[in-house]
Amino acid sequence: MLRERLMTKTMQRLSQRELQGHKCKKTNCDQGPYVRLPFTDHLLQTLLHMIQILISYLLMLAVMTYNMWLLLGVVFGAGIGYFALGFYVPKNRQSSVSKMSEHCH
């Protein structure tokens, strides 16, 4: 959710720059369907991705201990987290921001 909010703000900032008539100094600035993220936004998104992978692997290791209580804790924790944060969805799921996100729902 934080990564999607970051992408939304970045896309809004880039579209405002285009509306203001920003001219890119590079020759390949506006080529293709992708937009290059600013370095700080990309660094923050990379760090969030690394934290997400770390948590995923730690949860996988906890489940692989074959301890039923840890397994149930992971499953119920994921369910409660989805229920608590699942109310907040993008207003327009067909936007370019949601197409660029990596989640599957």
PDB file of N, CA and C in Angstrom:
ATOM      1  N   MET A   1       0.828  -1.175   0.000  1.00  0.00           N
ATOM      2  CA  MET A   1       0.000   0.000   0.000  1.00  0.00           C
ATOM      3  C   MET A   1       0.884   1.254   0.000  1.00  0.00           C
ATOM      4  N   LEU A   2       1.953   1.222   0.763  1.00  0.00           N
ATOM      5  CA  LEU A   2       2.864   2.362   0.795  1.00  0.00           C
ATOM      6  C   LEU A   2       3.560   2.533  -0.547  1.00  0.00           C
ATOM      7  N   ARG A   3       3.927   1.406  -1.184  1.00  0.00           N
ATOM      8  CA  ARG A   3       4.576   1.479  -2.483  1.00  0.00           C
ATOM      9  C   ARG A   3       3.627   2.051  -3.536  1.00  0.00           C
ATOM     10  N   GLU A   4       2.345   1.670  -3.470  1.00  0.00           N
ATOM     11  CA  GLU A   4       1.377   2.185  -4.433  1.00  0.00           C
ATOM     12  C   GLU A   4       1.139   3.679  -4.220  1.00  0.00           C
ATOM     13  N   ARG A   5       1.109   4.124  -2.960  1.00  0.00           N
ATOM     14  CA  ARG A   5       0.945   5.549  -2.672  1.00  0.00           C
ATOM     15  C   ARG A   5       2.139   6.340  -3.194  1.00  0.00           C
ATOM     16  N   LEU A   6       3.344   5.771  -3.030  1.00  0.00           N
ATOM     17  CA  LEU A   6       4.551   6.405  -3.550  1.00  0.00           C
ATOM     18  C   LEU A   6       4.483   6.533  -5.068  1.00  0.00           C
ATOM     19  N   MET A   7       4.040   5.474  -5.744  1.00  0.00           N
ATOM     20  CA  MET A   7       3.925   5.521  -7.201  1.00  0.00           C
ATOM     21  C   MET A   7       2.885   6.556  -7.638  1.00  0.00           C
ATOM     22  N   THR A   8       1.779   6.649  -6.908  1.00  0.00           N
ATOM     23  CA  THR A   8       0.739   7.620  -7.256  1.00  0.00           C
ATOM     24  C   THR A   8       1.277   9.037  -7.154  1.00  0.00           C
ATOM     25  N   LYS A   9       1.973   9.343  -6.056  1.00  0.00           N
ATOM     26  CA  LYS A   9       2.522  10.690  -5.882  1.00  0.00           C
ATOM     27  C   LYS A   9       3.578  10.999  -6.937  1.00  0.00           C
ATOM     28  N   THR A  10       4.392   9.999  -7.272  1.00  0.00           N
ATOM     29  CA  THR A  10       5.427  10.212  -8.284  1.00  0.00           C
ATOM     30  C   THR A  10       4.793  10.479  -9.641  1.00  0.00           C
ATOM     31  N   MET A  11       3.776   9.707 -10.002  1.00  0.00           N
ATOM     32  CA  MET A  11       3.112   9.900 -11.287  1.00  0.00           C
ATOM     33  C   MET A  11       2.422  11.263 -11.346  1.00  0.00           C
ATOM     34  N   GLN A  12       1.826  11.694 -10.231  1.00  0.00           N
ATOM     35  CA  GLN A  12       1.193  13.017 -10.208  1.00  0.00           C
ATOM     36  C   GLN A  12       2.231  14.110 -10.394  1.00  0.00           C
ATOM     37  N   ARG A  13       3.374  13.970  -9.725  1.00  0.00           N
ATOM     38  CA  ARG A  13       4.426  14.967  -9.848  1.00  0.00           C
ATOM     39  C   ARG A  13       4.980  15.005 -11.268  1.00  0.00           C
ATOM     40  N   LEU A  14       5.160  13.834 -11.886  1.00  0.00           N
ATOM     41  CA  LEU A  14       5.667  13.805 -13.254  1.00  0.00           C
ATOM     42  C   LEU A  14       4.659  14.371 -14.244  1.00  0.00           C
ATOM     43  N   SER A  15       3.363  14.115 -14.026  1.00  0.00           N
ATOM     44  CA  SER A  15       2.364  14.667 -14.936  1.00  0.00           C
ATOM     45  C   SER A  15       2.261  16.184 -14.779  1.00  0.00           C
ATOM     46  N   GLN A  16       2.475  16.707 -13.559  1.00  0.00           N
ATOM     47  CA  GLN A  16       2.481  18.155 -13.365  1.00  0.00           C
ATOM     48  C   GLN A  16       3.657  18.789 -14.087  1.00  0.00           C
ATOM     49  N   ARG A  17       4.805  18.107 -14.085  1.00  0.00           N
ATOM     50  CA  ARG A  17       5.966  18.628 -14.803  1.00  0.00           C
ATOM     51  C   ARG A  17       5.694  18.674 -16.303  1.00  0.00           C
ATOM     52  N   GLU A  18       4.979  17.678 -16.827  1.00  0.00           N
ATOM     53  CA  GLU A  18       4.649  17.673 -18.248  1.00  0.00           C
ATOM     54  C   GLU A  18       3.687  18.798 -18.588  1.00  0.00           C
ATOM     55  N   LEU A  19       2.719  19.056 -17.672  1.00  0.00           N
ATOM     56  CA  LEU A  19       1.762  20.131 -17.920  1.00  0.00           C
ATOM     57  C   LEU A  19       2.434  21.502 -17.889  1.00  0.00           C
ATOM     58  N   GLN A  20       3.482  21.629 -17.108  1.00  0.00           N
ATOM     59  CA  GLN A  20       4.185  22.903 -17.020  1.00  0.00           C
ATOM     60  C   GLN A  20       5.146  23.094 -18.187  1.00  0.00           C
ATOM     61  N   GLY A  21       5.223  22.137 -19.076  1.00  0.00           N
ATOM     62  CA  GLY A  21       6.071  22.287 -20.255  1.00  0.00           C
ATOM     63  C   GLY A  21       7.518  21.948 -19.998  1.00  0.00           C
ATOM     64  N   HIS A  22       7.774  21.028 -19.089  1.00  0.00           N
ATOM     65  CA  HIS A  22       9.147  20.629 -18.775  1.00  0.00           C
ATOM     66  C   HIS A  22       9.770  19.967 -19.997  1.00  0.00           C
ATOM     67  N   LYS A  23      10.909  20.435 -20.384  1.00  0.00           N
ATOM     68  CA  LYS A  23      11.648  19.860 -21.507  1.00  0.00           C
ATOM     69  C   LYS A  23      12.800  19.036 -20.967  1.00  0.00           C
ATOM     70  N   CYS A  24      12.864  17.800 -21.384  1.00  0.00           N
ATOM     71  CA  CYS A  24      13.924  16.913 -20.922  1.00  0.00           C
ATOM     72  C   CYS A  24      15.198  17.198 -21.702  1.00  0.00           C
ATOM     73  N   LYS A  25      16.329  17.165 -21.013  1.00  0.00           N
ATOM     74  CA  LYS A  25      17.602  17.427 -21.665  1.00  0.00           C
ATOM     75  C   LYS A  25      18.106  16.221 -22.439  1.00  0.00           C
ATOM     76  N   LYS A  26      17.602  15.054 -22.095  1.00  0.00           N
ATOM     77  CA  LYS A  26      18.035  13.842 -22.780  1.00  0.00           C
ATOM     78  C   LYS A  26      17.214  13.646 -24.048  1.00  0.00           C
ATOM     79  N   THR A  27      17.770  12.954 -25.009  1.00  0.00           N
ATOM     80  CA  THR A  27      17.060  12.741 -26.268  1.00  0.00           C
ATOM     81  C   THR A  27      16.026  11.642 -26.158  1.00  0.00           C
ATOM     82  N   ASN A  28      16.164  10.721 -25.211  1.00  0.00           N
ATOM     83  CA  ASN A  28      15.232   9.603 -25.100  1.00  0.00           C
ATOM     84  C   ASN A  28      14.259   9.774 -23.936  1.00  0.00           C
ATOM     85  N   CYS A  29      13.952  10.981 -23.576  1.00  0.00           N
ATOM     86  CA  CYS A  29      13.135  11.258 -22.399  1.00  0.00           C
ATOM     87  C   CYS A  29      11.699  10.741 -22.555  1.00  0.00           C
ATOM     88  N   ASP A  30      11.060  10.990 -23.656  1.00  0.00           N
ATOM     89  CA  ASP A  30       9.648  10.668 -23.820  1.00  0.00           C
ATOM     90  C   ASP A  30       9.413   9.462 -24.720  1.00  0.00           C
ATOM     91  N   GLN A  31      10.363   8.592 -24.850  1.00  0.00           N
ATOM     92  CA  GLN A  31      10.182   7.439 -25.713  1.00  0.00           C
ATOM     93  C   GLN A  31       9.663   6.262 -24.904  1.00  0.00           C
ATOM     94  N   GLY A  32       8.713   5.533 -25.467  1.00  0.00           N
ATOM     95  CA  GLY A  32       8.213   4.317 -24.851  1.00  0.00           C
ATOM     96  C   GLY A  32       7.101   4.556 -23.846  1.00  0.00           C
ATOM     97  N   PRO A  33       6.496   3.469 -23.383  1.00  0.00           N
ATOM     98  CA  PRO A  33       5.362   3.568 -22.460  1.00  0.00           C
ATOM     99  C   PRO A  33       5.763   3.709 -20.998  1.00  0.00           C
ATOM    100  N   TYR A  34       7.041   3.690 -20.681  1.00  0.00           N
ATOM    101  CA  TYR A  34       7.492   3.736 -19.293  1.00  0.00           C
ATOM    102  C   TYR A  34       7.995   5.117 -18.928  1.00  0.00           C
ATOM    103  N   VAL A  35       7.894   5.418 -17.625  1.00  0.00           N
ATOM    104  CA  VAL A  35       8.367   6.682 -17.094  1.00  0.00           C
ATOM    105  C   VAL A  35       9.505   6.376 -16.120  1.00  0.00           C
ATOM    106  N   ARG A  36      10.591   7.088 -16.241  1.00  0.00           N
ATOM    107  CA  ARG A  36      11.728   6.877 -15.346  1.00  0.00           C
ATOM    108  C   ARG A  36      11.457   7.566 -14.011  1.00  0.00           C
ATOM    109  N   LEU A  37      11.584   6.814 -12.930  1.00  0.00           N
ATOM    110  CA  LEU A  37      11.368   7.359 -11.595  1.00  0.00           C
ATOM    111  C   LEU A  37      12.576   8.165 -11.141  1.00  0.00           C
ATOM    112  N   PRO A  38      12.348   9.195 -10.342  1.00  0.00           N
ATOM    113  CA  PRO A  38      13.478   9.898  -9.740  1.00  0.00           C
ATOM    114  C   PRO A  38      14.268   8.958  -8.826  1.00  0.00           C
ATOM    115  N   PHE A  39      15.550   9.246  -8.641  1.00  0.00           N
ATOM    116  CA  PHE A  39      16.446   8.353  -7.909  1.00  0.00           C
ATOM    117  C   PHE A  39      15.968   8.092  -6.483  1.00  0.00           C
ATOM    118  N   THR A  40      15.558   9.141  -5.761  1.00  0.00           N
ATOM    119  CA  THR A  40      15.162   8.955  -4.361  1.00  0.00           C
ATOM    120  C   THR A  40      13.903   8.097  -4.251  1.00  0.00           C
ATOM    121  N   ASP A  41      12.942   8.296  -5.147  1.00  0.00           N
ATOM    122  CA  ASP A  41      11.729   7.474  -5.137  1.00  0.00           C
ATOM    123  C   ASP A  41      12.064   6.023  -5.454  1.00  0.00           C
ATOM    124  N   HIS A  42      12.953   5.825  -6.416  1.00  0.00           N
ATOM    125  CA  HIS A  42      13.337   4.463  -6.789  1.00  0.00           C
ATOM    126  C   HIS A  42      14.108   3.787  -5.648  1.00  0.00           C
ATOM    127  N   LEU A  43      14.947   4.541  -4.948  1.00  0.00           N
ATOM    128  CA  LEU A  43      15.688   3.993  -3.817  1.00  0.00           C
ATOM    129  C   LEU A  43      14.735   3.591  -2.693  1.00  0.00           C
ATOM    130  N   LEU A  44      13.762   4.444  -2.385  1.00  0.00           N
ATOM    131  CA  LEU A  44      12.789   4.127  -1.352  1.00  0.00           C
ATOM    132  C   LEU A  44      11.969   2.903  -1.738  1.00  0.00           C
ATOM    133  N   GLN A  45      11.549   2.827  -2.986  1.00  0.00           N
ATOM    134  CA  GLN A  45      10.777   1.680  -3.451  1.00  0.00           C
ATOM    135  C   GLN A  45      11.614   0.398  -3.389  1.00  0.00           C
ATOM    136  N   THR A  46      12.900   0.489  -3.685  1.00  0.00           N
ATOM    137  CA  THR A  46      13.786  -0.671  -3.596  1.00  0.00           C
ATOM    138  C   THR A  46      13.917  -1.139  -2.151  1.00  0.00           C
ATOM    139  N   LEU A  47      14.073  -0.208  -1.216  1.00  0.00           N
ATOM    140  CA  LEU A  47      14.171  -0.575   0.198  1.00  0.00           C
ATOM    141  C   LEU A  47      12.885  -1.213   0.709  1.00  0.00           C
ATOM    142  N   LEU A  48      11.737  -0.686   0.298  1.00  0.00           N
ATOM    143  CA  LEU A  48      10.463  -1.288   0.692  1.00  0.00           C
ATOM    144  C   LEU A  48      10.323  -2.695   0.120  1.00  0.00           C
ATOM    145  N   HIS A  49      10.786  -2.900  -1.105  1.00  0.00           N
ATOM    146  CA  HIS A  49      10.738  -4.225  -1.714  1.00  0.00           C
ATOM    147  C   HIS A  49      11.626  -5.200  -0.940  1.00  0.00           C
ATOM    148  N   MET A  50      12.808  -4.758  -0.536  1.00  0.00           N
ATOM    149  CA  MET A  50      13.719  -5.613   0.225  1.00  0.00           C
ATOM    150  C   MET A  50      13.111  -5.994   1.579  1.00  0.00           C
ATOM    151  N   ILE A  51      12.440  -5.056   2.232  1.00  0.00           N
ATOM    152  CA  ILE A  51      11.787  -5.349   3.508  1.00  0.00           C
ATOM    153  C   ILE A  51      10.657  -6.348   3.306  1.00  0.00           C
ATOM    154  N   GLN A  52       9.897  -6.184   2.227  1.00  0.00           N
ATOM    155  CA  GLN A  52       8.799  -7.103   1.930  1.00  0.00           C
ATOM    156  C   GLN A  52       9.325  -8.516   1.676  1.00  0.00           C
ATOM    157  N   ILE A  53      10.417  -8.648   0.945  1.00  0.00           N
ATOM    158  CA  ILE A  53      11.003  -9.958   0.678  1.00  0.00           C
ATOM    159  C   ILE A  53      11.533 -10.582   1.966  1.00  0.00           C
ATOM    160  N   LEU A  54      12.187  -9.785   2.811  1.00  0.00           N
ATOM    161  CA  LEU A  54      12.708 -10.287   4.076  1.00  0.00           C
ATOM    162  C   LEU A  54      11.587 -10.837   4.949  1.00  0.00           C
ATOM    163  N   ILE A  55      10.510 -10.092   5.078  1.00  0.00           N
ATOM    164  CA  ILE A  55       9.380 -10.550   5.890  1.00  0.00           C
ATOM    165  C   ILE A  55       8.774 -11.811   5.293  1.00  0.00           C
ATOM    166  N   SER A  56       8.667 -11.875   3.977  1.00  0.00           N
ATOM    167  CA  SER A  56       8.107 -13.056   3.324  1.00  0.00           C
ATOM    168  C   SER A  56       8.945 -14.295   3.601  1.00  0.00           C
ATOM    169  N   TYR A  57      10.263 -14.168   3.493  1.00  0.00           N
ATOM    170  CA  TYR A  57      11.128 -15.320   3.754  1.00  0.00           C
ATOM    171  C   TYR A  57      11.112 -15.721   5.231  1.00  0.00           C
ATOM    172  N   LEU A  58      11.043 -14.755   6.131  1.00  0.00           N
ATOM    173  CA  LEU A  58      10.955 -15.097   7.551  1.00  0.00           C
ATOM    174  C   LEU A  58       9.656 -15.832   7.869  1.00  0.00           C
ATOM    175  N   LEU A  59       8.562 -15.390   7.257  1.00  0.00           N
ATOM    176  CA  LEU A  59       7.289 -16.099   7.454  1.00  0.00           C
ATOM    177  C   LEU A  59       7.343 -17.496   6.849  1.00  0.00           C
ATOM    178  N   MET A  60       8.000 -17.645   5.704  1.00  0.00           N
ATOM    179  CA  MET A  60       8.135 -18.963   5.092  1.00  0.00           C
ATOM    180  C   MET A  60       8.930 -19.894   6.006  1.00  0.00           C
ATOM    181  N   LEU A  61      10.022 -19.385   6.592  1.00  0.00           N
ATOM    182  CA  LEU A  61      10.814 -20.202   7.505  1.00  0.00           C
ATOM    183  C   LEU A  61      10.011 -20.585   8.746  1.00  0.00           C
ATOM    184  N   ALA A  62       9.188 -19.684   9.246  1.00  0.00           N
ATOM    185  CA  ALA A  62       8.359 -19.988  10.411  1.00  0.00           C
ATOM    186  C   ALA A  62       7.365 -21.097  10.085  1.00  0.00           C
ATOM    187  N   VAL A  63       6.776 -21.064   8.903  1.00  0.00           N
ATOM    188  CA  VAL A  63       5.821 -22.093   8.502  1.00  0.00           C
ATOM    189  C   VAL A  63       6.535 -23.420   8.255  1.00  0.00           C
ATOM    190  N   MET A  64       7.761 -23.364   7.749  1.00  0.00           N
ATOM    191  CA  MET A  64       8.487 -24.602   7.435  1.00  0.00           C
ATOM    192  C   MET A  64       8.982 -25.330   8.674  1.00  0.00           C
ATOM    193  N   THR A  65       8.818 -24.759   9.860  1.00  0.00           N
ATOM    194  CA  THR A  65       9.160 -25.497  11.076  1.00  0.00           C
ATOM    195  C   THR A  65       8.114 -26.561  11.378  1.00  0.00           C
ATOM    196  N   TYR A  66       7.011 -26.561  10.630  1.00  0.00           N
ATOM    197  CA  TYR A  66       5.898 -27.509  10.800  1.00  0.00           C
ATOM    198  C   TYR A  66       5.275 -27.412  12.181  1.00  0.00           C
ATOM    199  N   ASN A  67       5.378 -26.241  12.781  1.00  0.00           N
ATOM    200  CA  ASN A  67       4.696 -25.983  14.040  1.00  0.00           C
ATOM    201  C   ASN A  67       3.316 -25.443  13.695  1.00  0.00           C
ATOM    202  N   MET A  68       2.298 -26.186  14.064  1.00  0.00           N
ATOM    203  CA  MET A  68       0.927 -25.831  13.680  1.00  0.00           C
ATOM    204  C   MET A  68       0.520 -24.470  14.246  1.00  0.00           C
ATOM    205  N   TRP A  69       0.984 -24.123  15.438  1.00  0.00           N
ATOM    206  CA  TRP A  69       0.606 -22.846  16.033  1.00  0.00           C
ATOM    207  C   TRP A  69       1.229 -21.675  15.263  1.00  0.00           C
ATOM    208  N   LEU A  70       2.471 -21.840  14.821  1.00  0.00           N
ATOM    209  CA  LEU A  70       3.082 -20.788  13.998  1.00  0.00           C
ATOM    210  C   LEU A  70       2.373 -20.659  12.655  1.00  0.00           C
ATOM    211  N   LEU A  71       2.016 -21.795  12.073  1.00  0.00           N
ATOM    212  CA  LEU A  71       1.286 -21.775  10.798  1.00  0.00           C
ATOM    213  C   LEU A  71      -0.050 -21.054  10.954  1.00  0.00           C
ATOM    214  N   LEU A  72      -0.785 -21.395  12.003  1.00  0.00           N
ATOM    215  CA  LEU A  72      -2.074 -20.733  12.229  1.00  0.00           C
ATOM    216  C   LEU A  72      -1.897 -19.245  12.524  1.00  0.00           C
ATOM    217  N   GLY A  73      -0.831 -18.894  13.251  1.00  0.00           N
ATOM    218  CA  GLY A  73      -0.557 -17.483  13.521  1.00  0.00           C
ATOM    219  C   GLY A  73      -0.281 -16.693  12.249  1.00  0.00           C
ATOM    220  N   VAL A  74       0.489 -17.292  11.334  1.00  0.00           N
ATOM    221  CA  VAL A  74       0.784 -16.627  10.058  1.00  0.00           C
ATOM    222  C   VAL A  74      -0.488 -16.478   9.232  1.00  0.00           C
ATOM    223  N   VAL A  75      -1.286 -17.542   9.146  1.00  0.00           N
ATOM    224  CA  VAL A  75      -2.506 -17.505   8.321  1.00  0.00           C
ATOM    225  C   VAL A  75      -3.517 -16.514   8.898  1.00  0.00           C
ATOM    226  N   PHE A  76      -3.767 -16.587  10.201  1.00  0.00           N
ATOM    227  CA  PHE A  76      -4.725 -15.659  10.796  1.00  0.00           C
ATOM    228  C   PHE A  76      -4.208 -14.222  10.790  1.00  0.00           C
ATOM    229  N   GLY A  77      -2.915 -14.046  10.979  1.00  0.00           N
ATOM    230  CA  GLY A  77      -2.347 -12.700  10.901  1.00  0.00           C
ATOM    231  C   GLY A  77      -2.499 -12.099   9.513  1.00  0.00           C
ATOM    232  N   ALA A  78      -2.276 -12.922   8.490  1.00  0.00           N
ATOM    233  CA  ALA A  78      -2.466 -12.436   7.114  1.00  0.00           C
ATOM    234  C   ALA A  78      -3.937 -12.114   6.850  1.00  0.00           C
ATOM    235  N   GLY A  79      -4.820 -12.943   7.376  1.00  0.00           N
ATOM    236  CA  GLY A  79      -6.261 -12.696   7.204  1.00  0.00           C
ATOM    237  C   GLY A  79      -6.726 -11.438   7.904  1.00  0.00           C
ATOM    238  N   ILE A  80      -6.268 -11.246   9.129  1.00  0.00           N
ATOM    239  CA  ILE A  80      -6.643 -10.042   9.880  1.00  0.00           C
ATOM    240  C   ILE A  80      -6.054  -8.795   9.220  1.00  0.00           C
ATOM    241  N   GLY A  81      -4.820  -8.894   8.768  1.00  0.00           N
ATOM    242  CA  GLY A  81      -4.201  -7.760   8.076  1.00  0.00           C
ATOM    243  C   GLY A  81      -4.925  -7.406   6.786  1.00  0.00           C
ATOM    244  N   TYR A  82      -5.324  -8.429   6.030  1.00  0.00           N
ATOM    245  CA  TYR A  82      -6.068  -8.179   4.788  1.00  0.00           C
ATOM    246  C   TYR A  82      -7.422  -7.556   5.097  1.00  0.00           C
ATOM    247  N   PHE A  83      -8.094  -8.061   6.144  1.00  0.00           N
ATOM    248  CA  PHE A  83      -9.393  -7.507   6.507  1.00  0.00           C
ATOM    249  C   PHE A  83      -9.272  -6.067   6.978  1.00  0.00           C
ATOM    250  N   ALA A  84      -8.245  -5.775   7.778  1.00  0.00           N
ATOM    251  CA  ALA A  84      -8.090  -4.428   8.340  1.00  0.00           C
ATOM    252  C   ALA A  84      -7.689  -3.415   7.270  1.00  0.00           C
ATOM    253  N   LEU A  85      -6.852  -3.809   6.325  1.00  0.00           N
ATOM    254  CA  LEU A  85      -6.353  -2.863   5.328  1.00  0.00           C
ATOM    255  C   LEU A  85      -7.002  -3.036   3.959  1.00  0.00           C
ATOM    256  N   GLY A  86      -7.857  -4.031   3.813  1.00  0.00           N
ATOM    257  CA  GLY A  86      -8.483  -4.296   2.520  1.00  0.00           C
ATOM    258  C   GLY A  86      -9.579  -3.330   2.134  1.00  0.00           C
ATOM    259  N   PHE A  87      -9.969  -2.462   3.048  1.00  0.00           N
ATOM    260  CA  PHE A  87     -11.010  -1.490   2.738  1.00  0.00           C
ATOM    261  C   PHE A  87     -10.506  -0.390   1.809  1.00  0.00           C
ATOM    262  N   TYR A  88      -9.207  -0.178   1.798  1.00  0.00           N
ATOM    263  CA  TYR A  88      -8.619   0.903   1.025  1.00  0.00           C
ATOM    264  C   TYR A  88      -8.129   0.358  -0.310  1.00  0.00           C
ATOM    265  N   VAL A  89      -8.873   0.677  -1.364  1.00  0.00           N
ATOM    266  CA  VAL A  89      -8.497   0.248  -2.711  1.00  0.00           C
ATOM    267  C   VAL A  89      -8.352   1.491  -3.573  1.00  0.00           C
ATOM    268  N   PRO A  90      -7.576   1.412  -4.650  1.00  0.00           N
ATOM    269  CA  PRO A  90      -7.437   2.569  -5.538  1.00  0.00           C
ATOM    270  C   PRO A  90      -8.792   2.971  -6.125  1.00  0.00           C
ATOM    271  N   LYS A  91      -8.975   4.254  -6.318  1.00  0.00           N
ATOM    272  CA  LYS A  91     -10.233   4.743  -6.886  1.00  0.00           C
ATOM    273  C   LYS A  91     -10.420   4.257  -8.308  1.00  0.00           C
ATOM    274  N   ASN A  92      -9.340   4.204  -9.072  1.00  0.00           N
ATOM    275  CA  ASN A  92      -9.413   3.764 -10.462  1.00  0.00           C
ATOM    276  C   ASN A  92      -8.414   2.627 -10.651  1.00  0.00           C
ATOM    277  N   ARG A  93      -8.902   1.404 -10.607  1.00  0.00           N
ATOM    278  CA  ARG A  93      -8.005   0.248 -10.716  1.00  0.00           C
ATOM    279  C   ARG A  93      -7.389   0.130 -12.110  1.00  0.00           C
ATOM    280  N   GLN A  94      -7.923   0.794 -13.083  1.00  0.00           N
ATOM    281  CA  GLN A  94      -7.399   0.710 -14.437  1.00  0.00           C
ATOM    282  C   GLN A  94      -6.352   1.776 -14.720  1.00  0.00           C
ATOM    283  N   SER A  95      -5.953   2.516 -13.697  1.00  0.00           N
ATOM    284  CA  SER A  95      -4.974   3.577 -13.916  1.00  0.00           C
ATOM    285  C   SER A  95      -3.601   2.977 -14.184  1.00  0.00           C
ATOM    286  N   SER A  96      -2.705   3.785 -14.700  1.00  0.00           N
ATOM    287  CA  SER A  96      -1.366   3.301 -15.013  1.00  0.00           C
ATOM    288  C   SER A  96      -0.601   2.931 -13.760  1.00  0.00           C
ATOM    289  N   VAL A  97      -0.957   3.520 -12.625  1.00  0.00           N
ATOM    290  CA  VAL A  97      -0.265   3.209 -11.384  1.00  0.00           C
ATOM    291  C   VAL A  97      -0.574   1.783 -10.959  1.00  0.00           C
ATOM    292  N   SER A  98      -1.861   1.383 -11.011  1.00  0.00           N
ATOM    293  CA  SER A  98      -2.192   0.036 -10.577  1.00  0.00           C
ATOM    294  C   SER A  98      -1.687  -1.000 -11.566  1.00  0.00           C
ATOM    295  N   LYS A  99      -1.501  -0.638 -12.833  1.00  0.00           N
ATOM    296  CA  LYS A  99      -0.924  -1.577 -13.792  1.00  0.00           C
ATOM    297  C   LYS A  99       0.540  -1.819 -13.495  1.00  0.00           C
ATOM    298  N   MET A 100       1.233  -0.815 -12.919  1.00  0.00           N
ATOM    299  CA  MET A 100       2.645  -0.943 -12.639  1.00  0.00           C
ATOM    300  C   MET A 100       2.920  -1.652 -11.322  1.00  0.00           C
ATOM    301  N   SER A 101       1.886  -1.802 -10.485  1.00  0.00           N
ATOM    302  CA  SER A 101       2.116  -2.436  -9.192  1.00  0.00           C
ATOM    303  C   SER A 101       2.272  -3.944  -9.369  1.00  0.00           C
ATOM    304  N   GLU A 102       2.842  -4.596  -8.364  1.00  0.00           N
ATOM    305  CA  GLU A 102       3.189  -5.986  -8.481  1.00  0.00           C
ATOM    306  C   GLU A 102       2.212  -6.926  -7.811  1.00  0.00           C
ATOM    307  N   HIS A 103       1.226  -6.413  -7.121  1.00  0.00           N
ATOM    308  CA  HIS A 103       0.319  -7.313  -6.418  1.00  0.00           C
ATOM    309  C   HIS A 103      -0.662  -7.951  -7.398  1.00  0.00           C
ATOM    310  N   CYS A 104      -1.299  -9.018  -6.966  1.00  0.00           N
ATOM    311  CA  CYS A 104      -2.138  -9.786  -7.884  1.00  0.00           C
ATOM    312  C   CYS A 104      -3.620  -9.651  -7.614  1.00  0.00           C
ATOM    313  N   HIS A 105      -4.047  -8.723  -6.752  1.00  0.00           N
ATOM    314  CA  HIS A 105      -5.484  -8.536  -6.567  1.00  0.00           C
ATOM    315  C   HIS A 105      -5.875  -7.117  -6.738  1.00  0.00           C
TER     316      HIS A 105
END
